[in-house]
Amino acid sequence: MYEAGCAVEFRSFHVMPGLPPPEGERHSHDYRLEVVASREDLDDRGMVVDLDVLDGGLQALADRLEGADLDQVIAPQMGTDAVTVEVFARWAHSRLAETVGPLGGTTLAVRLWESTTAFGGYTAALDGRSSSA
């Protein structure tokens, strides 16, 4: 299996409703968003995915989310009250899947780190049917 990916870092805010402070109050995380595309065979250019396209989409997400309140940006789109790292990763996957487009046989994995030791993730195929959130 071949892989290619990139990562970006940014700071955003959110609240985890019903939890005691500090999680239950508006607080920030220094996030690291990693994305890895994988496939069995390389395309006719010898690539898994065009890294410039993937990195551009990732950077656009980071620019949009730097200093943002995730409860205003992501929660309404995902239909949830809490933006957990799992929900956040699913949302980011859907945005990146739109950027990259359908690539048969390619899987896109998103891992979102909220600290140096804790992350959530989401993985699905880039076949045109995944990530409609």
C-alpha atoms as a PDB file:
ATOM      1  CA  MET A   1       0.000   0.000   0.000  1.00  0.00           C
ATOM      2  CA  TYR A   2       1.412   3.392  -1.020  1.00  0.00           C
ATOM      3  CA  GLU A   3       0.838   6.468   1.139  1.00  0.00           C
ATOM      4  CA  ALA A   4       1.242  10.220   0.772  1.00  0.00           C
ATOM      5  CA  GLY A   5       0.155  12.906   3.177  1.00  0.00           C
ATOM      6  CA  CYS A   6       0.674  16.206   4.893  1.00  0.00           C
ATOM      7  CA  ALA A   7      -0.146  18.014   8.117  1.00  0.00           C
ATOM      8  CA  VAL A   8      -0.941  21.475   9.419  1.00  0.00           C
ATOM      9  CA  GLU A   9      -1.286  23.107  12.852  1.00  0.00           C
ATOM     10  CA  PHE A  10      -3.689  25.769  14.108  1.00  0.00           C
ATOM     11  CA  ARG A  11      -5.517  26.908  17.247  1.00  0.00           C
ATOM     12  CA  SER A  12      -9.309  26.817  17.617  1.00  0.00           C
ATOM     13  CA  PHE A  13     -11.866  26.988  20.429  1.00  0.00           C
ATOM     14  CA  HIS A  14     -14.820  24.908  21.607  1.00  0.00           C
ATOM     15  CA  VAL A  15     -16.882  23.835  24.617  1.00  0.00           C
ATOM     16  CA  MET A  16     -17.790  20.323  25.713  1.00  0.00           C
ATOM     17  CA  PRO A  17     -21.341  20.764  27.071  1.00  0.00           C
ATOM     18  CA  GLY A  18     -22.080  19.112  30.393  1.00  0.00           C
ATOM     19  CA  LEU A  19     -18.453  18.602  31.402  1.00  0.00           C
ATOM     20  CA  PRO A  20     -16.721  20.349  34.291  1.00  0.00           C
ATOM     21  CA  PRO A  21     -14.097  23.041  33.624  1.00  0.00           C
ATOM     22  CA  PRO A  22     -11.896  23.408  31.780  1.00  0.00           C
ATOM     23  CA  GLU A  23     -13.589  21.235  29.098  1.00  0.00           C
ATOM     24  CA  GLY A  24     -17.057  22.553  29.976  1.00  0.00           C
ATOM     25  CA  GLU A  25     -15.946  26.145  29.389  1.00  0.00           C
ATOM     26  CA  ARG A  26     -14.780  27.758  26.162  1.00  0.00           C
ATOM     27  CA  HIS A  27     -11.167  26.699  25.747  1.00  0.00           C
ATOM     28  CA  SER A  28      -8.580  26.345  23.010  1.00  0.00           C
ATOM     29  CA  HIS A  29      -6.542  23.517  21.588  1.00  0.00           C
ATOM     30  CA  ASP A  30      -3.430  23.675  19.467  1.00  0.00           C
ATOM     31  CA  TYR A  31      -4.581  21.169  16.868  1.00  0.00           C
ATOM     32  CA  ARG A  32      -2.474  19.155  14.453  1.00  0.00           C
ATOM     33  CA  LEU A  33      -4.472  17.929  11.475  1.00  0.00           C
ATOM     34  CA  GLU A  34      -2.835  15.097   9.533  1.00  0.00           C
ATOM     35  CA  VAL A  35      -4.158  13.562   6.329  1.00  0.00           C
ATOM     36  CA  VAL A  36      -2.885  10.450   4.556  1.00  0.00           C
ATOM     37  CA  ALA A  37      -4.066   9.164   1.179  1.00  0.00           C
ATOM     38  CA  SER A  38      -3.366   5.519   0.391  1.00  0.00           C
ATOM     39  CA  ARG A  39      -3.866   3.151  -2.523  1.00  0.00           C
ATOM     40  CA  GLU A  40      -2.550  -0.171  -3.801  1.00  0.00           C
ATOM     41  CA  ASP A  41      -1.163   1.186  -7.072  1.00  0.00           C
ATOM     42  CA  LEU A  42       0.229   4.540  -8.132  1.00  0.00           C
ATOM     43  CA  ASP A  43      -1.577   6.600 -10.754  1.00  0.00           C
ATOM     44  CA  ASP A  44      -0.171   7.235 -14.244  1.00  0.00           C
ATOM     45  CA  ARG A  45       1.966  10.080 -12.821  1.00  0.00           C
ATOM     46  CA  GLY A  46       3.530   7.773 -10.225  1.00  0.00           C
ATOM     47  CA  MET A  47       1.541   9.352  -7.359  1.00  0.00           C
ATOM     48  CA  VAL A  48      -1.011   8.348  -4.755  1.00  0.00           C
ATOM     49  CA  VAL A  49      -2.487  11.847  -4.859  1.00  0.00           C
ATOM     50  CA  ASP A  50      -1.327  15.275  -5.957  1.00  0.00           C
ATOM     51  CA  LEU A  51       0.278  16.582  -2.749  1.00  0.00           C
ATOM     52  CA  ASP A  52      -0.090  20.191  -3.889  1.00  0.00           C
ATOM     53  CA  VAL A  53      -3.871  19.737  -4.107  1.00  0.00           C
ATOM     54  CA  LEU A  54      -4.043  17.895  -0.781  1.00  0.00           C
ATOM     55  CA  ASP A  55      -1.804  20.405   0.985  1.00  0.00           C
ATOM     56  CA  GLY A  56      -3.746  23.324  -0.506  1.00  0.00           C
ATOM     57  CA  GLY A  57      -7.008  21.915   0.815  1.00  0.00           C
ATOM     58  CA  LEU A  58      -5.473  21.288   4.214  1.00  0.00           C
ATOM     59  CA  GLN A  59      -4.030  24.797   4.400  1.00  0.00           C
ATOM     60  CA  ALA A  60      -7.405  26.293   3.396  1.00  0.00           C
ATOM     61  CA  LEU A  61      -9.023  24.403   6.298  1.00  0.00           C
ATOM     62  CA  ALA A  62      -6.362  25.638   8.721  1.00  0.00           C
ATOM     63  CA  ASP A  63      -6.801  29.225   7.518  1.00  0.00           C
ATOM     64  CA  ARG A  64     -10.570  28.916   8.011  1.00  0.00           C
ATOM     65  CA  LEU A  65     -10.226  27.415  11.491  1.00  0.00           C
ATOM     66  CA  GLU A  66      -7.373  29.475  12.956  1.00  0.00           C
ATOM     67  CA  GLY A  67      -8.890  31.272  15.968  1.00  0.00           C
ATOM     68  CA  ALA A  68     -12.398  30.024  15.096  1.00  0.00           C
ATOM     69  CA  ASP A  69     -15.105  28.823  17.439  1.00  0.00           C
ATOM     70  CA  LEU A  70     -15.715  25.233  16.316  1.00  0.00           C
ATOM     71  CA  ASP A  71     -19.152  25.269  17.894  1.00  0.00           C
ATOM     72  CA  GLN A  72     -20.161  27.881  15.321  1.00  0.00           C
ATOM     73  CA  VAL A  73     -18.289  26.496  12.305  1.00  0.00           C
ATOM     74  CA  ILE A  74     -18.560  22.702  12.594  1.00  0.00           C
ATOM     75  CA  ALA A  75     -21.351  21.843  15.046  1.00  0.00           C
ATOM     76  CA  PRO A  76     -24.230  23.203  12.900  1.00  0.00           C
ATOM     77  CA  GLN A  77     -22.972  21.389   9.792  1.00  0.00           C
ATOM     78  CA  MET A  78     -22.564  18.105  11.650  1.00  0.00           C
ATOM     79  CA  GLY A  79     -25.812  18.416  13.622  1.00  0.00           C
ATOM     80  CA  THR A  80     -24.155  18.021  17.004  1.00  0.00           C
ATOM     81  CA  ASP A  81     -23.808  19.984  20.229  1.00  0.00           C
ATOM     82  CA  ALA A  82     -20.230  18.873  20.880  1.00  0.00           C
ATOM     83  CA  VAL A  83     -17.302  19.089  18.481  1.00  0.00           C
ATOM     84  CA  THR A  84     -15.241  16.129  19.606  1.00  0.00           C
ATOM     85  CA  VAL A  85     -12.025  15.199  17.810  1.00  0.00           C
ATOM     86  CA  GLU A  86     -13.939  12.371  16.118  1.00  0.00           C
ATOM     87  CA  VAL A  87     -16.655  14.712  14.817  1.00  0.00           C
ATOM     88  CA  PHE A  88     -14.025  17.254  13.813  1.00  0.00           C
ATOM     89  CA  ALA A  89     -12.029  14.598  11.903  1.00  0.00           C
ATOM     90  CA  ARG A  90     -15.163  13.458  10.035  1.00  0.00           C
ATOM     91  CA  TRP A  91     -15.965  17.062   9.080  1.00  0.00           C
ATOM     92  CA  ALA A  92     -12.386  17.692   7.904  1.00  0.00           C
ATOM     93  CA  HIS A  93     -12.459  14.470   5.866  1.00  0.00           C
ATOM     94  CA  SER A  94     -15.566  15.599   4.027  1.00  0.00           C
ATOM     95  CA  ARG A  95     -14.008  18.975   3.175  1.00  0.00           C
ATOM     96  CA  LEU A  96     -10.770  17.384   1.982  1.00  0.00           C
ATOM     97  CA  ALA A  97     -12.673  14.769  -0.045  1.00  0.00           C
ATOM     98  CA  GLU A  98     -14.407  17.635  -1.874  1.00  0.00           C
ATOM     99  CA  THR A  99     -11.029  19.238  -2.586  1.00  0.00           C
ATOM    100  CA  VAL A 100      -9.307  16.082  -3.812  1.00  0.00           C
ATOM    101  CA  GLY A 101     -12.341  14.670  -5.608  1.00  0.00           C
ATOM    102  CA  PRO A 102     -13.239  11.036  -6.269  1.00  0.00           C
ATOM    103  CA  LEU A 103     -10.192   8.827  -6.793  1.00  0.00           C
ATOM    104  CA  GLY A 104     -11.160   5.195  -7.234  1.00  0.00           C
ATOM    105  CA  GLY A 105      -9.115   2.877  -5.060  1.00  0.00           C
ATOM    106  CA  THR A 106      -7.892   5.682  -2.805  1.00  0.00           C
ATOM    107  CA  THR A 107      -8.559   5.911   0.916  1.00  0.00           C
ATOM    108  CA  LEU A 108      -8.242   9.160   2.842  1.00  0.00           C
ATOM    109  CA  ALA A 109      -7.417   9.011   6.552  1.00  0.00           C
ATOM    110  CA  VAL A 110      -7.694  12.088   8.763  1.00  0.00           C
ATOM    111  CA  ARG A 111      -6.166  12.222  12.227  1.00  0.00           C
ATOM    112  CA  LEU A 112      -6.788  15.238  14.446  1.00  0.00           C
ATOM    113  CA  TRP A 113      -4.516  15.709  17.450  1.00  0.00           C
ATOM    114  CA  GLU A 114      -5.828  17.955  20.243  1.00  0.00           C
ATOM    115  CA  SER A 115      -2.699  17.455  22.320  1.00  0.00           C
ATOM    116  CA  THR A 116       0.626  15.675  21.915  1.00  0.00           C
ATOM    117  CA  THR A 117      -0.971  12.453  23.189  1.00  0.00           C
ATOM    118  CA  ALA A 118      -4.675  12.517  22.207  1.00  0.00           C
ATOM    119  CA  PHE A 119      -6.330  12.293  18.792  1.00  0.00           C
ATOM    120  CA  GLY A 120      -9.444  11.244  16.920  1.00  0.00           C
ATOM    121  CA  GLY A 121      -9.726  10.152  13.332  1.00  0.00           C
ATOM    122  CA  TYR A 122     -11.882   9.238  10.361  1.00  0.00           C
ATOM    123  CA  THR A 123     -11.060   7.101   7.312  1.00  0.00           C
ATOM    124  CA  ALA A 124     -13.125   6.480   4.173  1.00  0.00           C
ATOM    125  CA  ALA A 125     -12.689   5.828   0.474  1.00  0.00           C
ATOM    126  CA  LEU A 126     -12.497   8.666  -2.046  1.00  0.00           C
ATOM    127  CA  ASP A 127     -14.929   7.004  -4.389  1.00  0.00           C
ATOM    128  CA  GLY A 128     -17.418   9.831  -4.763  1.00  0.00           C
ATOM    129  CA  ARG A 129     -19.798   8.384  -2.191  1.00  0.00           C
ATOM    130  CA  SER A 130     -17.918   9.084   1.044  1.00  0.00           C
ATOM    131  CA  SER A 131     -17.957  12.149   3.244  1.00  0.00           C
ATOM    132  CA  SER A 132     -21.237  13.844   2.405  1.00  0.00           C
ATOM    133  CA  ALA A 133     -21.560  15.582   5.787  1.00  0.00           C
END
